[in-house]
């Protein structure tokens, strides 16, 4: 069984792929969506860090609107 981190990374990748072409995404909306689909047991900070890291790799900016 994949670990929680791998499941969250998969959920983030799916979320970001759905937003392909969008220059800026909302941190607040993205985190809420990720929590709803993954039920992540990670801390909010860890989830935000992963989202920022993966969005940066894809050339997307994340609005820090928490």
C-alpha atoms as a PDB file:
ATOM      1  CA  UNK A   1       0.000   0.000   0.000  1.00  0.00           C
ATOM      2  CA  UNK A   2       1.434   3.392  -0.978  1.00  0.00           C
ATOM      3  CA  UNK A   3       2.325   5.717   1.831  1.00  0.00           C
ATOM      4  CA  UNK A   4       0.251   8.818   2.604  1.00  0.00           C
ATOM      5  CA  UNK A   5       2.831  11.144   1.035  1.00  0.00           C
ATOM      6  CA  UNK A   6       2.626   9.295  -2.292  1.00  0.00           C
ATOM      7  CA  UNK A   7      -1.173   9.454  -2.256  1.00  0.00           C
ATOM      8  CA  UNK A   8      -1.119  13.186  -1.586  1.00  0.00           C
ATOM      9  CA  UNK A   9       1.458  13.752  -4.353  1.00  0.00           C
ATOM     10  CA  UNK A  10      -0.806  11.854  -6.741  1.00  0.00           C
ATOM     11  CA  UNK A  11      -3.794  14.002  -5.726  1.00  0.00           C
ATOM     12  CA  UNK A  12      -1.754  17.191  -6.187  1.00  0.00           C
ATOM     13  CA  UNK A  13      -0.524  16.044  -9.602  1.00  0.00           C
ATOM     14  CA  UNK A  14      -4.108  15.334 -10.667  1.00  0.00           C
ATOM     15  CA  UNK A  15      -5.280  18.729  -9.383  1.00  0.00           C
ATOM     16  CA  UNK A  16      -2.478  20.573 -11.175  1.00  0.00           C
ATOM     17  CA  UNK A  17      -3.049  18.692 -14.418  1.00  0.00           C
ATOM     18  CA  UNK A  18      -6.701  19.771 -14.336  1.00  0.00           C
ATOM     19  CA  UNK A  19      -5.497  23.374 -14.084  1.00  0.00           C
ATOM     20  CA  UNK A  20      -3.023  23.173 -16.968  1.00  0.00           C
ATOM     21  CA  UNK A  21      -2.758  26.547 -18.654  1.00  0.00           C
ATOM     22  CA  UNK A  22      -3.730  28.469 -15.527  1.00  0.00           C
ATOM     23  CA  UNK A  23      -0.928  30.819 -14.461  1.00  0.00           C
ATOM     24  CA  UNK A  24      -1.978  31.265 -10.824  1.00  0.00           C
ATOM     25  CA  UNK A  25      -3.960  28.945  -8.584  1.00  0.00           C
ATOM     26  CA  UNK A  26      -5.479  29.663  -5.187  1.00  0.00           C
ATOM     27  CA  UNK A  27      -3.774  28.030  -2.203  1.00  0.00           C
ATOM     28  CA  UNK A  28      -6.999  28.158  -0.185  1.00  0.00           C
ATOM     29  CA  UNK A  29      -9.137  26.528  -2.884  1.00  0.00           C
ATOM     30  CA  UNK A  30      -6.475  23.992  -3.803  1.00  0.00           C
ATOM     31  CA  UNK A  31      -5.886  22.864  -0.215  1.00  0.00           C
ATOM     32  CA  UNK A  32      -9.632  22.556   0.397  1.00  0.00           C
ATOM     33  CA  UNK A  33     -10.010  20.483  -2.757  1.00  0.00           C
ATOM     34  CA  UNK A  34      -7.041  18.286  -1.868  1.00  0.00           C
ATOM     35  CA  UNK A  35      -8.371  17.640   1.623  1.00  0.00           C
ATOM     36  CA  UNK A  36     -11.748  16.696   0.170  1.00  0.00           C
ATOM     37  CA  UNK A  37     -10.370  14.219  -2.372  1.00  0.00           C
ATOM     38  CA  UNK A  38      -7.485  12.733  -0.441  1.00  0.00           C
ATOM     39  CA  UNK A  39      -8.538  13.007   3.188  1.00  0.00           C
ATOM     40  CA  UNK A  40      -4.870  13.767   3.792  1.00  0.00           C
ATOM     41  CA  UNK A  41      -3.557  13.158   7.255  1.00  0.00           C
ATOM     42  CA  UNK A  42      -0.613  15.473   6.607  1.00  0.00           C
ATOM     43  CA  UNK A  43      -0.269  18.755   8.431  1.00  0.00           C
ATOM     44  CA  UNK A  44      -1.537  21.812   6.633  1.00  0.00           C
ATOM     45  CA  UNK A  45       2.031  23.120   6.334  1.00  0.00           C
ATOM     46  CA  UNK A  46       3.233  19.876   4.743  1.00  0.00           C
ATOM     47  CA  UNK A  47       0.348  19.901   2.278  1.00  0.00           C
ATOM     48  CA  UNK A  48       1.024  23.532   1.352  1.00  0.00           C
ATOM     49  CA  UNK A  49       4.751  22.823   0.912  1.00  0.00           C
ATOM     50  CA  UNK A  50       4.058  19.907  -1.427  1.00  0.00           C
ATOM     51  CA  UNK A  51       1.574  21.957  -3.435  1.00  0.00           C
ATOM     52  CA  UNK A  52       4.033  24.855  -3.797  1.00  0.00           C
ATOM     53  CA  UNK A  53       6.866  22.516  -4.774  1.00  0.00           C
ATOM     54  CA  UNK A  54       4.867  20.654  -7.394  1.00  0.00           C
ATOM     55  CA  UNK A  55       3.269  23.808  -8.826  1.00  0.00           C
ATOM     56  CA  UNK A  56       6.695  25.426  -9.179  1.00  0.00           C
ATOM     57  CA  UNK A  57       7.973  22.451 -11.172  1.00  0.00           C
ATOM     58  CA  UNK A  58       5.039  22.932 -13.562  1.00  0.00           C
ATOM     59  CA  UNK A  59       5.683  26.675 -13.858  1.00  0.00           C
ATOM     60  CA  UNK A  60       2.539  27.635 -11.971  1.00  0.00           C
ATOM     61  CA  UNK A  61       2.265  30.250  -9.267  1.00  0.00           C
ATOM     62  CA  UNK A  62       0.202  29.748  -6.115  1.00  0.00           C
ATOM     63  CA  UNK A  63      -1.625  32.720  -4.592  1.00  0.00           C
ATOM     64  CA  UNK A  64      -1.081  32.596  -0.843  1.00  0.00           C
ATOM     65  CA  UNK A  65      -4.650  33.546   0.024  1.00  0.00           C
ATOM     66  CA  UNK A  66      -5.116  31.518   3.199  1.00  0.00           C
END
